[in-house]
Protein backbone atom coordinates (compact mmCIF):
# COMPACT_ATOMS: atom_id res chain seq x y z
CA MET A 1 24.08 -9.26 -7.71
CA GLY A 2 22.49 -12.66 -7.80
CA GLN A 3 19.21 -13.78 -9.32
CA PHE A 4 15.74 -12.49 -8.82
CA PHE A 5 12.56 -14.37 -9.30
CA PHE A 6 9.78 -12.70 -11.26
CA LYS A 7 8.10 -13.16 -14.54
CA GLU A 8 8.96 -11.16 -17.65
CA CYS A 9 5.45 -10.78 -18.76
CA ILE A 10 4.68 -8.51 -15.73
CA ILE A 11 7.70 -6.13 -15.99
CA GLU A 12 7.60 -3.06 -18.21
CA ARG A 13 11.18 -2.27 -17.44
CA PRO A 14 14.05 -4.25 -16.02
CA PRO A 15 14.89 -3.47 -12.33
CA TYR A 16 17.64 -1.00 -11.66
CA ILE A 17 20.44 -1.62 -9.27
CA ARG A 18 20.76 0.26 -6.04
CA PHE A 19 23.99 1.97 -4.98
CA ASN A 20 25.26 2.99 -1.55
CA LEU A 21 26.10 6.60 -2.13
CA ASP A 22 26.48 7.55 1.49
CA THR A 23 29.88 5.82 1.79
CA LYS A 24 31.89 9.04 1.58
CA ASN A 25 29.10 11.54 1.72
CA SER A 26 28.04 13.33 4.92
CA GLY A 27 24.57 14.26 3.46
CA ARG A 28 25.79 17.41 1.80
CA HIS A 29 25.93 18.06 -1.90
CA LEU A 30 28.07 15.73 -4.04
CA SER A 31 30.13 17.08 -6.81
CA ILE A 32 29.93 15.43 -10.31
CA GLU A 33 33.42 14.04 -9.82
CA GLN A 34 32.46 12.59 -6.43
CA LEU A 35 29.35 11.08 -7.83
CA VAL A 36 31.12 9.65 -10.81
CA THR A 37 33.84 7.95 -8.56
CA LEU A 38 31.16 6.48 -6.13
CA ILE A 39 29.16 4.87 -8.94
CA LYS A 40 32.34 3.82 -10.83
CA ASP A 41 33.74 1.98 -7.79
CA GLN A 42 30.51 0.01 -7.25
CA ILE A 43 30.13 -0.83 -10.93
CA LEU A 44 33.53 -2.32 -11.06
CA SER A 45 33.20 -4.14 -7.72
CA ASP A 46 30.96 -6.93 -9.04
CA HIS A 47 30.77 -8.58 -12.43
CA HIS A 48 27.03 -9.26 -11.83
CA PHE A 49 26.20 -5.65 -12.60
CA LYS A 50 27.10 -6.09 -16.29
CA GLY A 51 23.94 -5.30 -18.49
CA CYS A 52 22.08 -4.00 -15.43
CA ARG A 53 20.16 -0.79 -15.39
CA LEU A 54 21.29 2.28 -13.44
CA PRO A 55 18.82 4.20 -11.25
CA PRO A 56 16.81 6.61 -13.25
CA VAL A 57 18.04 10.11 -13.35
CA ARG A 58 15.09 11.67 -11.60
CA ALA A 59 15.13 9.00 -8.92
CA LEU A 60 18.82 9.47 -8.07
CA ALA A 61 18.40 13.36 -8.23
CA HIS A 62 15.51 13.01 -5.85
CA GLN A 63 17.50 10.77 -3.38
CA LEU A 64 20.56 12.96 -3.21
CA GLY A 65 18.93 16.32 -3.44
CA LEU A 66 20.63 17.17 -6.71
CA SER A 67 19.57 18.57 -9.94
CA LYS A 68 18.63 16.19 -12.79
CA ASN A 69 21.28 17.94 -14.92
CA THR A 70 23.92 17.02 -12.37
CA ILE A 71 22.94 13.36 -12.50
CA GLN A 72 22.79 13.35 -16.32
CA THR A 73 26.24 14.97 -16.58
CA ALA A 74 27.68 12.32 -14.13
CA TYR A 75 26.08 9.58 -16.36
CA ASP A 76 27.41 11.04 -19.52
CA GLU A 77 30.93 11.04 -17.92
CA LEU A 78 30.43 7.37 -17.15
CA ARG A 79 29.37 6.75 -20.74
CA ALA A 80 32.38 8.60 -22.00
CA GLN A 81 34.61 6.43 -19.88
CA GLY A 82 32.90 3.31 -21.46
CA LEU A 83 31.41 2.11 -18.33
CA VAL A 84 27.77 2.67 -19.15
CA GLU A 85 25.61 3.00 -22.15
CA SER A 86 22.18 4.54 -22.91
CA ARG A 87 19.37 2.74 -24.53
CA ASP A 88 16.48 4.71 -26.11
CA ARG A 89 13.47 5.15 -23.70
CA SER A 90 14.99 2.54 -21.40
CA GLY A 91 17.81 4.42 -19.42
CA PHE A 92 21.41 3.82 -18.68
CA PHE A 93 22.95 0.42 -18.34
CA VAL A 94 26.30 -1.13 -17.39
CA THR A 95 28.19 -1.96 -20.47
CA ARG A 96 29.67 -5.38 -21.47
CA GLY A 97 26.41 -7.04 -20.87
CA GLU A 98 23.76 -8.41 -23.32
CA LYS A 99 20.19 -8.20 -22.54
CA PRO A 100 19.22 -6.72 -19.17
CA ARG A 101 19.11 -9.34 -16.40
CA LEU A 102 15.60 -10.34 -15.41
CA PHE A 103 16.83 -12.59 -12.53
CA ASP A 104 14.40 -15.46 -13.45
CA ASN A 105 16.25 -18.20 -11.41
CA PRO A 106 15.84 -17.81 -7.73
CA ILE A 107 18.63 -19.05 -5.31
CA ASN A 108 16.96 -21.66 -3.21
CA VAL A 109 17.92 -20.78 0.28
CA PRO A 110 17.33 -23.30 2.93
CA ALA A 111 13.89 -23.78 4.43
CA LEU A 112 13.07 -23.12 8.02
CA GLU A 113 12.48 -25.67 10.83
CA PHE A 114 9.89 -24.89 13.41
CA LYS A 115 9.21 -25.64 17.07
CA LYS A 116 6.10 -25.97 19.14
CA ILE A 117 3.95 -22.95 19.66
CA SER A 118 4.28 -20.59 22.77
CA TYR A 119 2.67 -17.21 23.61
CA ASP A 120 3.90 -13.84 24.66
CA GLU A 121 2.35 -10.42 25.36
CA PHE A 122 2.59 -7.45 23.10
CA ILE A 123 4.80 -4.56 23.96
CA ARG A 124 3.02 -1.23 24.57
CA PHE A 125 4.20 2.26 24.15
CA LYS A 126 2.80 5.84 24.88
CA ASP A 127 2.32 8.93 22.81
CA HIS A 128 3.67 12.30 23.76
CA ASP A 129 2.53 15.88 23.35
CA ALA A 130 5.49 17.67 21.79
CA ILE A 131 7.27 17.86 18.51
CA ASN A 132 8.48 14.25 18.06
CA LEU A 133 11.50 14.47 15.79
CA SER A 134 12.28 10.82 15.77
CA SER A 135 8.75 9.24 15.01
CA VAL A 136 8.76 6.60 12.32
CA PHE A 137 5.06 7.25 11.56
CA ILE A 138 3.58 9.31 8.68
CA ASP A 139 1.87 12.56 9.71
CA PRO A 140 -1.70 11.55 10.48
CA ARG A 141 -2.99 14.85 8.79
CA ILE A 142 -2.08 13.32 5.34
CA LEU A 143 -3.48 9.87 5.86
CA PRO A 144 -6.70 8.85 4.13
CA LYS A 145 -9.11 8.77 7.15
CA ASP A 146 -12.20 10.07 5.25
CA LYS A 147 -11.75 7.30 2.45
CA LEU A 148 -11.09 4.66 4.95
CA THR A 149 -14.30 5.67 6.92
CA ALA A 150 -16.26 5.46 3.76
CA CYS A 151 -14.98 1.86 3.22
CA PHE A 152 -15.94 0.86 6.85
CA ARG A 153 -19.43 2.37 6.34
CA SER A 154 -19.76 0.42 3.09
CA VAL A 155 -18.88 -2.86 4.74
CA LEU A 156 -21.07 -2.31 7.71
CA LYS A 157 -24.09 -1.58 5.41
CA SER A 158 -23.38 -4.74 3.42
CA PRO A 159 -25.77 -7.68 4.04
CA GLY A 160 -23.01 -10.20 3.36
CA ILE A 161 -20.77 -9.73 6.35
CA PRO A 162 -19.62 -13.27 7.39
CA GLU A 163 -20.79 -14.62 10.70
CA PHE A 164 -17.49 -16.32 11.40
CA HIS A 165 -13.87 -15.47 10.96
CA ASP A 166 -11.39 -16.92 8.57
CA HIS A 167 -8.24 -18.16 10.50
CA GLN A 168 -5.96 -17.42 7.49
CA GLY A 169 -7.66 -14.10 6.52
CA MET A 170 -10.37 -12.91 4.02
CA PRO A 171 -9.69 -14.86 0.95
CA ALA A 172 -10.53 -11.88 -1.48
CA LEU A 173 -7.97 -9.74 0.40
CA ARG A 174 -5.32 -12.52 0.35
CA LYS A 175 -5.93 -12.80 -3.51
CA LYS A 176 -5.55 -9.00 -3.89
CA ILE A 177 -2.30 -8.99 -2.07
CA ALA A 178 -0.92 -11.96 -3.96
CA ALA A 179 -1.75 -10.09 -7.20
CA ARG A 180 0.10 -7.01 -5.90
CA LEU A 181 3.19 -8.91 -4.88
CA LYS A 182 3.32 -10.68 -8.33
CA ASN A 183 3.23 -7.25 -10.06
CA ARG A 184 6.27 -6.38 -8.11
CA GLY A 185 8.04 -9.62 -9.11
CA ILE A 186 7.44 -11.75 -6.01
CA GLU A 187 5.87 -15.03 -6.91
CA VAL A 188 3.43 -16.12 -4.20
CA ASP A 189 0.08 -18.03 -4.05
CA MET A 190 -2.81 -16.45 -2.19
CA ASP A 191 -3.13 -19.82 -0.17
CA HIS A 192 0.35 -19.10 1.36
CA ILE A 193 -0.57 -15.72 2.64
CA ILE A 194 -1.65 -15.06 6.21
CA LEU A 195 -3.20 -11.82 7.46
CA THR A 196 -1.80 -10.57 10.65
CA SER A 197 -2.30 -7.83 13.19
CA GLY A 198 0.41 -5.74 11.59
CA SER A 199 3.99 -6.75 10.80
CA GLN A 200 4.74 -7.25 14.58
CA GLN A 201 2.38 -10.22 14.78
CA ALA A 202 3.94 -11.66 11.60
CA LEU A 203 7.40 -11.67 13.34
CA ASP A 204 5.73 -13.12 16.39
CA LEU A 205 4.29 -15.96 14.54
CA VAL A 206 7.68 -16.96 12.91
CA THR A 207 9.50 -16.87 16.17
CA ARG A 208 6.82 -18.86 17.96
CA ALA A 209 6.96 -21.60 15.35
CA LEU A 210 10.71 -21.51 14.73
CA ALA A 211 12.68 -24.76 15.75
CA SER A 212 16.03 -23.08 15.96
CA LYS A 213 16.46 -20.79 18.99
CA VAL A 214 19.35 -18.73 17.41
CA VAL A 215 18.29 -15.60 15.35
CA GLY A 216 20.56 -13.00 13.86
CA THR A 217 19.23 -9.53 13.07
CA GLU A 218 20.58 -5.97 12.35
CA ASP A 219 22.54 -4.12 14.91
CA PRO A 220 21.07 -1.54 15.42
CA SER A 221 17.76 -3.39 15.14
CA TYR A 222 13.97 -2.72 15.08
CA HIS A 223 13.87 -2.49 18.97
CA LEU A 224 10.36 -3.94 19.47
CA GLY A 225 11.38 -6.82 17.13
CA LYS A 226 14.49 -7.32 19.17
CA TYR A 227 12.47 -7.37 22.40
CA LEU A 228 9.94 -9.81 20.88
CA LEU A 229 12.69 -12.19 19.77
CA GLU A 230 14.16 -12.11 23.31
CA MET A 231 10.70 -12.70 24.82
CA ASN A 232 10.16 -15.77 22.67
CA GLY A 233 13.24 -17.31 24.10
CA MET A 234 15.51 -16.63 21.04
CA LYS A 235 19.35 -16.35 21.38
CA THR A 236 19.73 -13.25 19.40
CA PHE A 237 23.01 -11.76 17.94
CA GLY A 238 23.60 -8.56 15.97
CA LEU A 239 24.90 -8.07 12.44
CA PRO A 240 26.31 -4.50 12.55
CA ILE A 241 25.21 -1.89 9.93
CA ASP A 242 26.67 1.57 9.58
CA PRO A 243 24.13 3.73 7.85
CA PHE A 244 26.79 5.50 5.90
CA ILE A 245 28.92 2.48 4.82
CA GLY A 246 26.55 -0.38 4.97
CA ILE A 247 27.58 -3.92 6.08
CA ASP A 248 31.00 -5.22 6.75
CA ALA A 249 31.07 -8.48 4.91
CA ASN A 250 33.94 -9.86 7.07
CA ILE A 251 32.24 -9.23 10.28
CA TRP A 252 28.95 -10.59 9.03
CA GLN A 253 30.48 -13.88 7.62
CA LYS A 254 32.51 -14.25 10.86
CA ARG A 255 29.37 -13.96 13.05
CA LEU A 256 27.24 -16.07 10.84
CA ALA A 257 29.88 -18.84 10.92
CA GLU A 258 30.26 -18.55 14.72
CA HIS A 259 26.58 -18.42 15.73
CA ARG A 260 25.09 -20.64 12.90
CA PRO A 261 21.48 -19.22 13.18
CA GLY A 262 18.40 -20.82 12.01
CA LEU A 263 17.03 -17.55 10.97
CA VAL A 264 18.23 -14.14 10.01
CA TYR A 265 15.60 -11.36 10.25
CA LEU A 266 16.32 -8.37 8.14
CA THR A 267 14.46 -5.15 6.95
CA THR A 268 15.30 -4.61 3.26
CA SER A 269 14.14 -1.01 2.74
CA PHE A 270 14.41 1.95 5.21
CA GLN A 271 15.42 -0.01 8.42
CA ASN A 272 14.29 1.40 11.72
CA PRO A 273 16.11 3.15 13.41
CA ASN A 274 18.69 4.28 10.88
CA GLY A 275 16.82 4.36 7.60
CA TYR A 276 19.36 2.16 5.82
CA SER A 277 18.30 0.36 2.71
CA TYR A 278 20.48 -2.74 1.56
CA SER A 279 22.22 -2.34 -1.86
CA SER A 280 21.76 -4.92 -4.50
CA LEU A 281 25.26 -6.21 -3.88
CA GLU A 282 24.49 -6.67 -0.19
CA ILE A 283 21.29 -8.49 -0.90
CA SER A 284 23.23 -10.84 -3.21
CA SER A 285 25.77 -11.47 -0.51
CA ILE A 286 23.05 -12.35 2.16
CA VAL A 287 21.35 -14.96 0.02
CA ASN A 288 24.68 -16.65 -0.80
CA TRP A 289 25.57 -16.61 2.91
CA ALA A 290 22.22 -18.21 3.63
CA LYS A 291 23.23 -20.99 1.28
CA GLU A 292 26.79 -21.14 2.66
CA PHE A 293 25.76 -21.14 6.38
CA ASN A 294 22.41 -22.95 6.04
CA PHE A 295 20.01 -20.34 7.56
CA GLY A 296 16.53 -19.22 6.59
CA ILE A 297 15.60 -15.61 5.94
CA LEU A 298 12.74 -13.43 7.22
CA GLU A 299 12.43 -10.27 5.09
CA ASP A 300 10.60 -7.23 6.56
CA ASP A 301 9.59 -5.05 3.61
CA TRP A 302 7.41 -2.56 5.55
CA GLY A 303 8.99 0.53 3.86
CA ALA A 304 9.16 -0.52 0.13
CA GLU A 305 6.24 1.58 -0.97
CA MET A 306 7.32 4.56 0.88
CA LEU A 307 9.54 5.62 -1.99
CA SER A 308 8.82 7.95 -4.75
CA TYR A 309 9.48 7.03 -8.42
CA SER A 310 8.63 3.53 -7.10
CA GLU A 311 9.97 0.89 -9.46
CA PHE A 312 10.51 -2.56 -8.19
CA LYS A 313 13.77 -3.09 -6.35
CA PRO A 314 14.13 -6.79 -5.88
CA GLY A 315 14.88 -7.86 -2.29
CA LEU A 316 15.51 -11.10 -0.42
CA ARG A 317 12.36 -12.91 -1.33
CA ALA A 318 12.77 -12.11 -4.97
CA MET A 319 16.34 -13.22 -5.05
CA GLY A 320 16.23 -16.15 -2.56
CA GLY A 321 13.05 -17.69 -3.73
CA SER A 322 10.05 -18.87 -1.96
CA ASN A 323 11.86 -20.31 1.08
CA VAL A 324 12.43 -16.71 2.20
CA LEU A 325 9.42 -15.60 4.41
CA TYR A 326 8.22 -12.15 3.51
CA MET A 327 6.16 -9.87 5.60
CA ASN A 328 4.64 -6.40 5.07
CA SER A 329 2.08 -4.04 6.55
CA PHE A 330 -0.51 -1.50 5.64
CA THR A 331 -0.38 0.04 9.11
CA LYS A 332 1.85 3.02 8.71
CA LYS A 333 0.97 3.78 5.06
CA VAL A 334 -2.84 3.89 5.73
CA LEU A 335 -3.58 4.33 9.39
CA PRO A 336 -1.59 3.38 12.43
CA SER A 337 -4.67 2.16 14.41
CA LEU A 338 -5.62 -0.17 11.37
CA ARG A 339 -2.97 -2.80 12.45
CA LEU A 340 -3.24 -5.07 9.36
CA GLY A 341 -0.24 -6.73 7.84
CA TYR A 342 0.63 -10.11 6.28
CA ILE A 343 3.17 -12.76 5.87
CA ALA A 344 3.96 -14.72 2.66
CA ALA A 345 5.04 -18.28 3.22
CA ASN A 346 5.29 -21.42 1.11
CA GLU A 347 3.80 -24.87 0.95
CA LYS A 348 6.03 -26.22 3.87
CA THR A 349 5.98 -23.21 6.28
CA ILE A 350 2.26 -22.30 5.88
CA GLY A 351 0.99 -25.01 8.31
CA PRO A 352 3.22 -24.14 11.31
CA LEU A 353 2.61 -20.44 10.84
CA MET A 354 -1.26 -20.96 10.68
CA MET A 355 -1.22 -22.97 13.96
CA ALA A 356 0.90 -20.11 15.57
CA LYS A 357 -1.82 -17.59 14.62
CA ARG A 358 -4.69 -19.79 15.71
CA VAL A 359 -3.34 -20.46 19.20
CA SER A 360 -2.43 -16.71 19.66
CA THR A 361 -5.03 -14.58 18.16
CA ILE A 362 -7.18 -16.94 16.12
CA ALA A 363 -7.93 -14.32 13.47
CA VAL A 364 -7.79 -10.72 12.35
CA PRO A 365 -11.27 -8.95 12.76
CA GLY A 366 -13.03 -9.68 9.55
CA ILE A 367 -14.64 -6.11 9.29
CA ILE A 368 -11.10 -4.68 9.23
CA GLU A 369 -10.02 -7.21 6.44
CA ALA A 370 -13.26 -6.27 4.52
CA ALA A 371 -12.72 -2.53 4.81
CA LEU A 372 -9.02 -2.87 3.64
CA PHE A 373 -10.08 -4.89 0.71
CA GLU A 374 -12.69 -2.21 -0.27
CA PHE A 375 -9.90 0.38 0.09
CA LEU A 376 -7.60 -1.60 -2.32
CA ASP A 377 -10.45 -2.62 -4.63
CA ARG A 378 -11.76 0.93 -5.14
CA GLY A 379 -8.24 2.12 -6.14
CA TYR A 380 -8.01 4.26 -3.00
CA TYR A 381 -4.64 2.75 -1.93
CA ASP A 382 -2.78 3.32 -5.08
CA ALA A 383 -4.01 6.83 -5.33
CA HIS A 384 -3.14 7.42 -1.72
CA LEU A 385 0.44 6.09 -2.14
CA LYS A 386 1.03 8.57 -5.04
CA TYR A 387 -0.27 11.45 -2.82
CA VAL A 388 1.74 10.41 0.31
CA GLN A 389 4.88 9.80 -1.60
CA LYS A 390 4.63 13.28 -3.16
CA GLU A 391 4.10 14.79 0.18
CA LEU A 392 6.98 12.88 1.82
CA ASP A 393 9.35 14.01 -1.00
CA ILE A 394 8.56 17.61 -0.12
CA ARG A 395 9.29 17.06 3.60
CA TYR A 396 12.39 14.96 2.82
CA GLN A 397 13.83 17.68 0.60
CA TYR A 398 12.95 20.41 3.09
CA CYS A 399 14.58 18.40 5.83
CA LEU A 400 17.78 18.07 3.91
CA SER A 401 17.79 21.85 3.11
CA LEU A 402 17.28 22.68 6.77
CA LEU A 403 20.19 20.26 7.77
CA ARG A 404 22.41 21.64 5.17
CA GLU A 405 21.72 25.16 6.19
CA GLN A 406 21.86 24.88 10.08
CA MET A 407 23.97 21.95 11.14
CA PRO A 408 27.59 22.34 12.19
CA GLU A 409 30.23 21.13 9.77
CA GLU A 410 31.20 18.03 11.82
CA VAL A 411 27.53 16.72 11.74
CA LYS A 412 26.60 14.47 8.99
CA TRP A 413 23.43 12.69 7.94
CA THR A 414 22.37 10.00 5.45
CA THR A 415 20.25 10.49 2.30
CA PRO A 416 17.87 7.53 2.11
CA GLY A 417 15.84 8.93 -0.65
CA GLY A 418 12.57 7.50 0.81
CA GLY A 419 11.02 6.05 3.87
CA PRO A 420 10.11 8.04 6.93
CA VAL A 421 13.42 8.63 8.55
CA LEU A 422 17.17 9.52 8.14
CA TRP A 423 20.03 9.23 10.51
CA LEU A 424 21.72 12.26 12.03
CA GLU A 425 25.39 11.32 13.13
CA LEU A 426 26.97 13.70 15.81
CA PRO A 427 30.60 14.06 17.00
CA LYS A 428 31.52 11.86 19.79
CA ARG A 429 32.05 14.70 22.09
CA VAL A 430 28.39 15.59 22.00
CA ASN A 431 26.65 13.97 25.10
CA LEU A 432 23.54 12.45 23.65
CA ASP A 433 21.87 12.14 27.00
CA GLN A 434 22.37 15.84 27.71
CA LEU A 435 21.07 16.68 24.29
CA LEU A 436 17.97 14.67 24.85
CA VAL A 437 17.28 16.50 28.25
CA LYS A 438 17.81 19.96 26.84
CA LEU A 439 15.56 19.36 23.84
CA LYS A 440 12.88 17.85 25.85
CA ALA A 441 12.82 21.00 27.99
CA GLN A 442 12.22 23.07 24.79
CA GLY A 443 9.44 20.74 23.70
CA VAL A 444 11.31 18.63 21.14
CA LEU A 445 11.59 14.90 21.53
CA ILE A 446 14.34 12.69 20.06
CA GLN A 447 14.86 9.00 20.40
CA LEU A 448 18.45 7.71 21.00
CA SER A 449 17.78 4.13 20.13
CA LYS A 450 20.33 2.87 22.54
CA ASN A 451 18.13 -0.16 23.07
CA ALA A 452 18.32 -1.04 19.44
CA PHE A 453 21.94 -1.90 19.68
CA PHE A 454 23.28 -5.29 20.95
CA SER A 455 26.21 -3.71 22.90
CA GLU A 456 27.84 -0.29 23.00
CA PRO A 457 26.32 1.70 20.10
CA HIS A 458 28.66 2.05 17.09
CA SER A 459 26.64 4.96 15.70
CA HIS A 460 26.46 8.15 17.72
CA GLY A 461 23.30 10.05 16.82
CA PHE A 462 19.59 9.52 16.35
CA LYS A 463 16.92 9.25 13.72
CA ILE A 464 14.94 12.21 12.16
CA GLY A 465 11.35 11.34 11.32
CA TYR A 466 10.71 13.94 8.55
CA ALA A 467 7.58 12.11 7.58
CA PHE A 468 5.82 12.84 10.80
CA LEU A 469 6.16 16.64 10.81
CA SER A 470 4.89 19.61 8.94
CA LYS A 471 7.43 22.15 7.50
CA ALA A 472 6.86 24.51 10.34
CA GLU A 473 7.30 21.87 13.16
CA MET A 474 10.50 20.59 11.32
CA GLU A 475 11.93 24.09 11.05
CA ILE A 476 11.40 24.61 14.77
CA ALA A 477 12.79 21.31 15.78
CA VAL A 478 15.92 21.26 13.58
CA GLU A 479 16.77 24.80 14.60
CA LYS A 480 16.64 23.88 18.25
CA VAL A 481 18.63 20.73 17.64
CA ALA A 482 21.29 22.67 15.69
CA GLN A 483 21.55 25.22 18.51
CA GLU A 484 21.99 22.68 21.31
CA ILE A 485 24.51 20.68 19.29
CA ARG A 486 26.66 23.76 18.81
CA LYS A 487 26.48 24.41 22.67
CA LEU A 488 27.48 20.88 23.47
CA MET A 489 30.23 20.88 21.02
CA SER A 490 31.81 24.00 22.44
């Protein structure tokens, strides 16, 4: 699984390894035997898992929509087979290891080379008045608008509002962000953090300053990110992901060897559009390929905090070291219109990225930075995360129950366990364009994500944004989708 970089003193428990349990699962209930087989196959697939902690019972039960007793029984069977062991008050661990791995030696992936700065316009989109079943946003009705408003009022009343902007971003906020990252095992200095207008600008800064013009990214990709790369003159190529299987190592290695990118841009958790999160084994493979094929990495971690039972799951920056650029955003978790994110660089890359920001937007509005600092400093953000995670859990489980009750047998879906979306995969004989038109006529919008693929889509379906809808809206939308799918299948 590779090596992660974080200090032992700030971790109460060792991180747990992430399994891909959608490999042979259509989204319906797994039996104990199936679950044991899936976990066993992945434990035995890599010797690095020895001594590592398994997902907590309640976290895995939540992800798969199963009872804790089912997960416990599966773990007990694995223990009976000698594959795992339990440790008092610590959980279950893969046997034949010594102490849990704390991954304290990062793999030093190659640093990035940068080019001269250029400028491009932002991509705009419109909202729609209908039940939007494919939105990646969180329902605005559960966002902390009142508390955020109080923070803005406090800032505006303060006599100490600075007259001039800080190009890099408010120092107190950067310090707060650096401390939060360190608590998640990501070592970073506040002087290497740049505040941005959401994560979109963070991606823009990197591609503006990047010397290499060859960039690899997921296929399907975050479509606005794909557009941005192309607008900035990048030669892009896709690295295919199947949301049920994950990545095909042979295809990835072949394409990386063929294209020799300067940068690979990846979303670690809950990728848009298919909601996929990389397994620990896949993250280990990616950082090793970076070393082998000499490319840098940009990690988009926008969805990491949209996961209940949140414990740190080390990603590309943690495993690959400080040469991995890391970006995140508060936008979707707090308020879409807030548009505030950040990028974590290092000593070598901070200079070119700062120049890219200065020539493009100069600075993020200081009042927005100050209000967000107030929001974090008062403890509102952590309290809000707990609330929104609980609310998303309810919607996620309800969405799973609706799909299991109403979808035809040939339809399958993923079980991401967090984030705002899951992927619904339909039989090939269902015409997606016809489905879109029929649903739109009934007031239900879906997004087909064809523009997210680099060529002919290898997935045949669309994303369901359960985080955006109330139970009532979700029930109406899923029922109409199921009805139309049955008609098109027949």
